[in-house]
N, C-alpha and C. Protein backbone atom coordinates (compact mmCIF):
# COMPACT_ATOMS: atom_id res chain seq x y z
N UNK A 1 0.85 -1.18 0.00
CA UNK A 1 0.00 0.00 0.00
C UNK A 1 0.89 1.24 0.00
N UNK A 2 0.78 2.06 -1.00
CA UNK A 2 1.63 3.25 -1.04
C UNK A 2 1.26 4.22 0.06
N UNK A 3 2.28 4.86 0.60
CA UNK A 3 2.03 5.85 1.64
C UNK A 3 1.69 7.18 0.99
N UNK A 4 0.68 7.81 1.51
CA UNK A 4 0.34 9.13 1.01
C UNK A 4 0.79 10.16 2.03
N UNK A 5 1.07 11.32 1.55
CA UNK A 5 1.50 12.37 2.45
C UNK A 5 0.33 13.30 2.72
N UNK A 6 0.33 13.85 3.87
CA UNK A 6 -0.73 14.75 4.28
C UNK A 6 -0.09 16.01 4.79
N UNK A 7 -0.53 17.12 4.30
CA UNK A 7 0.01 18.40 4.72
C UNK A 7 -1.00 19.09 5.64
N UNK A 8 -0.57 19.36 6.86
CA UNK A 8 -1.44 20.00 7.85
C UNK A 8 -0.84 21.33 8.28
N UNK A 9 -1.71 22.27 8.55
CA UNK A 9 -1.26 23.54 9.10
C UNK A 9 -1.06 23.38 10.60
N UNK A 10 -0.38 24.32 11.21
CA UNK A 10 -0.18 24.27 12.67
C UNK A 10 -1.51 24.32 13.41
N UNK A 11 -2.45 25.10 12.92
CA UNK A 11 -3.77 25.17 13.56
C UNK A 11 -4.48 23.83 13.49
N UNK A 12 -4.36 23.14 12.36
CA UNK A 12 -5.00 21.83 12.22
C UNK A 12 -4.35 20.81 13.16
N UNK A 13 -3.03 20.87 13.29
CA UNK A 13 -2.34 19.97 14.20
C UNK A 13 -2.77 20.24 15.64
N UNK A 14 -2.84 21.50 16.03
CA UNK A 14 -3.29 21.86 17.38
C UNK A 14 -4.71 21.38 17.63
N UNK A 15 -5.57 21.50 16.62
CA UNK A 15 -6.96 21.08 16.80
C UNK A 15 -7.07 19.57 16.95
N UNK A 16 -6.17 18.81 16.34
CA UNK A 16 -6.20 17.35 16.48
C UNK A 16 -5.83 16.92 17.90
N UNK A 17 -5.02 17.72 18.59
CA UNK A 17 -4.60 17.38 19.95
C UNK A 17 -5.77 17.35 20.92
N UNK A 18 -6.83 18.09 20.63
CA UNK A 18 -7.95 18.17 21.56
C UNK A 18 -9.00 17.07 21.33
N UNK A 19 -8.81 16.24 20.32
CA UNK A 19 -9.80 15.22 20.01
C UNK A 19 -9.65 14.01 20.92
N UNK A 20 -10.77 13.36 21.18
CA UNK A 20 -10.73 12.10 21.93
C UNK A 20 -10.23 11.02 20.99
N UNK A 21 -9.93 9.84 21.54
CA UNK A 21 -9.45 8.74 20.71
C UNK A 21 -10.47 8.36 19.64
N UNK A 22 -11.74 8.32 20.00
CA UNK A 22 -12.76 7.93 19.03
C UNK A 22 -12.92 8.98 17.93
N UNK A 23 -12.81 10.26 18.30
CA UNK A 23 -12.89 11.32 17.29
C UNK A 23 -11.69 11.27 16.36
N UNK A 24 -10.51 11.01 16.91
CA UNK A 24 -9.31 10.92 16.10
C UNK A 24 -9.40 9.70 15.17
N UNK A 25 -9.94 8.61 15.68
CA UNK A 25 -10.12 7.42 14.85
C UNK A 25 -11.05 7.72 13.68
N UNK A 26 -12.11 8.49 13.92
CA UNK A 26 -13.03 8.88 12.86
C UNK A 26 -12.31 9.71 11.80
N UNK A 27 -11.48 10.63 12.24
CA UNK A 27 -10.72 11.46 11.30
C UNK A 27 -9.78 10.59 10.47
N UNK A 28 -9.05 9.67 11.14
CA UNK A 28 -8.12 8.80 10.43
C UNK A 28 -8.84 7.89 9.45
N UNK A 29 -9.99 7.38 9.86
CA UNK A 29 -10.77 6.52 8.97
C UNK A 29 -11.23 7.30 7.75
N UNK A 30 -11.68 8.51 7.98
CA UNK A 30 -12.14 9.36 6.88
C UNK A 30 -10.99 9.66 5.92
N UNK A 31 -9.81 9.96 6.47
CA UNK A 31 -8.66 10.28 5.63
C UNK A 31 -8.15 9.07 4.86
N UNK A 32 -8.30 7.88 5.44
CA UNK A 32 -7.76 6.69 4.79
C UNK A 32 -8.69 6.11 3.73
N UNK A 33 -9.89 6.59 3.63
CA UNK A 33 -10.83 6.06 2.65
C UNK A 33 -10.43 6.50 1.25
N UNK A 34 -10.24 5.50 0.39
CA UNK A 34 -9.95 5.70 -1.02
C UNK A 34 -8.93 6.82 -1.27
N UNK A 35 -7.67 6.60 -0.84
CA UNK A 35 -6.68 7.66 -0.99
C UNK A 35 -6.38 8.00 -2.46
N UNK A 36 -6.66 7.07 -3.38
CA UNK A 36 -6.41 7.34 -4.79
C UNK A 36 -7.58 8.03 -5.48
N UNK A 37 -8.71 8.05 -4.79
CA UNK A 37 -9.90 8.62 -5.39
C UNK A 37 -9.82 10.13 -5.49
N UNK A 38 -10.66 10.71 -6.32
CA UNK A 38 -10.63 12.16 -6.48
C UNK A 38 -11.13 12.85 -5.21
N UNK A 39 -10.48 13.91 -4.87
CA UNK A 39 -10.91 14.72 -3.73
C UNK A 39 -11.55 15.98 -4.28
N UNK A 40 -12.76 16.17 -3.92
CA UNK A 40 -13.46 17.35 -4.41
C UNK A 40 -13.42 18.42 -3.35
N UNK A 41 -13.63 19.61 -3.78
CA UNK A 41 -13.66 20.72 -2.85
C UNK A 41 -14.77 20.51 -1.82
N UNK A 42 -15.89 19.95 -2.26
CA UNK A 42 -17.01 19.70 -1.34
C UNK A 42 -16.68 18.68 -0.28
N UNK A 43 -15.94 17.61 -0.64
CA UNK A 43 -15.62 16.59 0.35
C UNK A 43 -14.61 17.12 1.36
N UNK A 44 -13.68 17.96 0.91
CA UNK A 44 -12.74 18.57 1.86
C UNK A 44 -13.48 19.49 2.82
N UNK A 45 -14.45 20.21 2.29
CA UNK A 45 -15.25 21.09 3.15
C UNK A 45 -16.04 20.27 4.16
N UNK A 46 -16.60 19.16 3.72
CA UNK A 46 -17.36 18.29 4.63
C UNK A 46 -16.44 17.72 5.71
N UNK A 47 -15.21 17.35 5.34
CA UNK A 47 -14.25 16.84 6.32
C UNK A 47 -13.91 17.91 7.35
N UNK A 48 -13.70 19.13 6.88
CA UNK A 48 -13.39 20.23 7.81
C UNK A 48 -14.57 20.49 8.74
N UNK A 49 -15.79 20.44 8.20
CA UNK A 49 -16.97 20.67 9.03
C UNK A 49 -17.16 19.56 10.05
N UNK A 50 -16.88 18.31 9.65
CA UNK A 50 -16.98 17.19 10.59
C UNK A 50 -15.96 17.34 11.71
N UNK A 51 -14.75 17.74 11.36
CA UNK A 51 -13.71 17.96 12.36
C UNK A 51 -14.10 19.10 13.30
N UNK A 52 -14.59 20.19 12.74
CA UNK A 52 -15.01 21.33 13.54
C UNK A 52 -16.16 20.93 14.48
N UNK A 53 -17.09 20.14 13.97
CA UNK A 53 -18.21 19.69 14.79
C UNK A 53 -17.72 18.82 15.95
N UNK A 54 -16.77 17.93 15.67
CA UNK A 54 -16.21 17.09 16.74
C UNK A 54 -15.49 17.94 17.78
N UNK A 55 -14.78 18.97 17.32
CA UNK A 55 -14.08 19.86 18.25
C UNK A 55 -15.08 20.65 19.10
N UNK A 56 -16.15 21.12 18.47
CA UNK A 56 -17.18 21.86 19.22
C UNK A 56 -17.81 20.98 20.29
N UNK A 57 -18.10 19.73 19.91
CA UNK A 57 -18.68 18.80 20.87
C UNK A 57 -17.74 18.61 22.05
N UNK A 58 -16.46 18.38 21.75
CA UNK A 58 -15.47 18.16 22.80
C UNK A 58 -15.37 19.40 23.71
N UNK A 59 -15.36 20.59 23.11
CA UNK A 59 -15.24 21.83 23.89
C UNK A 59 -16.45 22.01 24.81
N UNK A 60 -17.64 21.68 24.33
CA UNK A 60 -18.84 21.85 25.14
C UNK A 60 -18.95 20.80 26.24
N UNK A 61 -18.31 19.64 26.04
CA UNK A 61 -18.35 18.59 27.05
C UNK A 61 -17.29 18.79 28.12
N UNK A 62 -16.28 19.59 27.84
CA UNK A 62 -15.17 19.78 28.76
C UNK A 62 -15.61 20.61 29.97
N UNK A 63 -15.41 20.07 31.16
CA UNK A 63 -15.77 20.80 32.36
C UNK A 63 -14.56 21.42 33.03
N UNK A 64 -13.41 21.30 32.39
CA UNK A 64 -12.20 21.93 32.92
C UNK A 64 -11.40 21.00 33.80
N UNK A 65 -10.26 21.47 34.17
CA UNK A 65 -9.36 20.71 35.03
C UNK A 65 -9.81 20.82 36.49
N UNK A 66 -9.68 19.72 37.24
CA UNK A 66 -10.02 19.81 38.67
C UNK A 66 -9.04 20.73 39.39
N UNK A 67 -9.49 21.30 40.44
CA UNK A 67 -8.64 22.17 41.26
C UNK A 67 -7.80 21.29 42.18
N UNK A 68 -6.69 20.77 41.63
CA UNK A 68 -5.88 19.79 42.36
C UNK A 68 -5.38 20.32 43.70
N UNK A 69 -5.17 21.60 43.80
CA UNK A 69 -4.66 22.15 45.06
C UNK A 69 -5.73 22.11 46.17
N UNK A 70 -6.99 21.92 45.80
CA UNK A 70 -8.06 21.86 46.79
C UNK A 70 -8.40 20.43 47.21
N UNK A 71 -7.83 19.45 46.54
CA UNK A 71 -8.18 18.05 46.80
C UNK A 71 -7.34 17.50 47.93
N UNK A 72 -7.99 16.82 48.84
CA UNK A 72 -7.30 16.10 49.91
C UNK A 72 -6.95 14.72 49.35
N UNK A 73 -5.71 14.58 48.88
CA UNK A 73 -5.30 13.37 48.18
C UNK A 73 -5.33 12.13 49.07
N UNK A 74 -4.97 12.28 50.35
CA UNK A 74 -4.99 11.13 51.26
C UNK A 74 -6.42 10.64 51.47
N UNK A 75 -7.33 11.59 51.70
CA UNK A 75 -8.74 11.23 51.89
C UNK A 75 -9.30 10.58 50.63
N UNK A 76 -8.95 11.13 49.47
CA UNK A 76 -9.45 10.58 48.21
C UNK A 76 -8.94 9.15 47.99
N UNK A 77 -7.66 8.90 48.28
CA UNK A 77 -7.09 7.56 48.13
C UNK A 77 -7.77 6.58 49.07
N UNK A 78 -7.95 6.98 50.33
CA UNK A 78 -8.58 6.11 51.31
C UNK A 78 -10.04 5.83 50.92
N UNK A 79 -10.73 6.84 50.40
CA UNK A 79 -12.11 6.66 49.97
C UNK A 79 -12.22 5.73 48.77
N UNK A 80 -11.20 5.74 47.91
CA UNK A 80 -11.23 4.85 46.75
C UNK A 80 -11.00 3.40 47.15
N UNK A 81 -10.42 3.20 48.33
CA UNK A 81 -10.14 1.85 48.81
C UNK A 81 -11.23 1.30 49.73
N UNK A 82 -12.06 2.19 50.29
CA UNK A 82 -13.07 1.75 51.26
C UNK A 82 -14.39 2.47 51.01
N UNK A 83 -15.41 1.71 50.63
CA UNK A 83 -16.73 2.30 50.40
C UNK A 83 -17.30 2.89 51.69
N UNK A 84 -17.09 2.20 52.80
CA UNK A 84 -17.60 2.70 54.08
C UNK A 84 -16.99 4.07 54.39
N UNK A 85 -15.68 4.19 54.20
CA UNK A 85 -15.02 5.48 54.44
C UNK A 85 -15.55 6.53 53.47
N UNK A 86 -15.73 6.15 52.21
CA UNK A 86 -16.26 7.09 51.21
C UNK A 86 -17.63 7.61 51.64
N UNK A 87 -18.52 6.70 52.04
CA UNK A 87 -19.88 7.10 52.41
C UNK A 87 -19.87 8.05 53.60
N UNK A 88 -19.06 7.73 54.61
CA UNK A 88 -19.00 8.58 55.81
C UNK A 88 -18.32 9.92 55.53
N UNK A 89 -17.31 9.91 54.67
CA UNK A 89 -16.54 11.14 54.41
C UNK A 89 -17.23 12.09 53.45
N UNK A 90 -17.78 11.52 52.37
CA UNK A 90 -18.32 12.37 51.32
C UNK A 90 -19.84 12.59 51.43
N UNK A 91 -20.50 11.80 52.27
CA UNK A 91 -21.95 11.96 52.44
C UNK A 91 -22.34 11.93 53.92
N UNK A 92 -21.71 12.77 54.74
CA UNK A 92 -21.98 12.72 56.19
C UNK A 92 -23.42 13.11 56.55
N UNK A 93 -24.06 13.92 55.70
CA UNK A 93 -25.44 14.32 55.99
C UNK A 93 -26.41 13.16 55.80
N UNK A 94 -26.02 12.17 55.00
CA UNK A 94 -26.89 11.01 54.78
C UNK A 94 -26.60 9.90 55.77
N UNK A 95 -25.32 9.66 56.06
CA UNK A 95 -24.91 8.58 56.95
C UNK A 95 -24.50 9.17 58.29
N UNK A 96 -25.49 9.55 59.08
CA UNK A 96 -25.23 10.25 60.34
C UNK A 96 -24.98 9.30 61.50
N UNK A 97 -25.50 8.09 61.40
CA UNK A 97 -25.34 7.11 62.49
C UNK A 97 -24.19 6.15 62.17
N UNK A 98 -23.64 5.52 63.21
CA UNK A 98 -22.58 4.54 62.96
C UNK A 98 -23.13 3.34 62.18
N UNK A 99 -22.29 2.72 61.38
CA UNK A 99 -22.71 1.52 60.65
C UNK A 99 -22.77 0.34 61.61
N UNK A 100 -23.74 -0.52 61.40
CA UNK A 100 -23.86 -1.78 62.16
C UNK A 100 -23.05 -2.86 61.41
N UNK A 101 -22.89 -4.00 62.06
CA UNK A 101 -22.13 -5.10 61.44
C UNK A 101 -22.72 -5.52 60.10
N UNK A 102 -24.07 -5.58 60.01
CA UNK A 102 -24.67 -6.00 58.75
C UNK A 102 -24.45 -4.97 57.64
N UNK A 103 -24.29 -3.69 58.01
CA UNK A 103 -23.96 -2.68 57.02
C UNK A 103 -22.58 -2.96 56.42
N UNK A 104 -21.62 -3.26 57.31
CA UNK A 104 -20.27 -3.55 56.83
C UNK A 104 -20.25 -4.80 55.96
N UNK A 105 -21.05 -5.82 56.32
CA UNK A 105 -21.12 -7.03 55.48
C UNK A 105 -21.68 -6.68 54.11
N UNK A 106 -22.73 -5.87 54.09
CA UNK A 106 -23.33 -5.46 52.82
C UNK A 106 -22.35 -4.63 51.99
N UNK A 107 -21.65 -3.71 52.64
CA UNK A 107 -20.66 -2.89 51.94
C UNK A 107 -19.56 -3.77 51.36
N UNK A 108 -19.13 -4.80 52.12
CA UNK A 108 -18.12 -5.72 51.60
C UNK A 108 -18.62 -6.44 50.35
N UNK A 109 -19.89 -6.85 50.35
CA UNK A 109 -20.46 -7.51 49.17
C UNK A 109 -20.48 -6.56 47.98
N UNK A 110 -20.91 -5.34 48.21
CA UNK A 110 -20.96 -4.35 47.12
C UNK A 110 -19.56 -4.09 46.58
N UNK A 111 -18.58 -3.92 47.46
CA UNK A 111 -17.20 -3.70 47.01
C UNK A 111 -16.70 -4.87 46.19
N UNK A 112 -17.01 -6.09 46.63
CA UNK A 112 -16.57 -7.29 45.89
C UNK A 112 -17.19 -7.32 44.50
N UNK A 113 -18.48 -7.04 44.41
CA UNK A 113 -19.18 -7.05 43.11
C UNK A 113 -18.60 -5.98 42.19
N UNK A 114 -18.37 -4.79 42.72
CA UNK A 114 -17.87 -3.69 41.90
C UNK A 114 -16.42 -3.93 41.47
N UNK A 115 -15.58 -4.32 42.39
CA UNK A 115 -14.15 -4.47 42.09
C UNK A 115 -13.82 -5.75 41.34
N UNK A 116 -14.51 -6.85 41.71
CA UNK A 116 -14.15 -8.14 41.14
C UNK A 116 -15.22 -8.68 40.19
N UNK A 117 -16.17 -7.86 39.82
CA UNK A 117 -17.26 -8.24 38.91
C UNK A 117 -18.01 -9.48 39.40
N UNK A 118 -18.29 -9.51 40.68
CA UNK A 118 -19.14 -10.54 41.22
C UNK A 118 -18.43 -11.66 41.84
């Protein structure tokens, strides 16, 4: 299969960096279709519009970077390892009373199902 060359502007390269893997796969699939076939001005325009649409979607879905300086990393790590700790730490208004033994047994079952798929 002969290799074809593709010429991209710096703006186009920068815009590709913001795409998700699936969006980038769509672009690559579109570019790889019939490389010997004629390229019309309309199809190039459609490709640019599809890329722009994917970028717009990505931009609207982006909620920004977390405020890492505000995160209690130790608490977050401990909560990721223990559902009981997570419930008490992140939802204290809901879990106001101490857990009973059967609560801990149930939490262990839930953790097993979630972590080990049953």
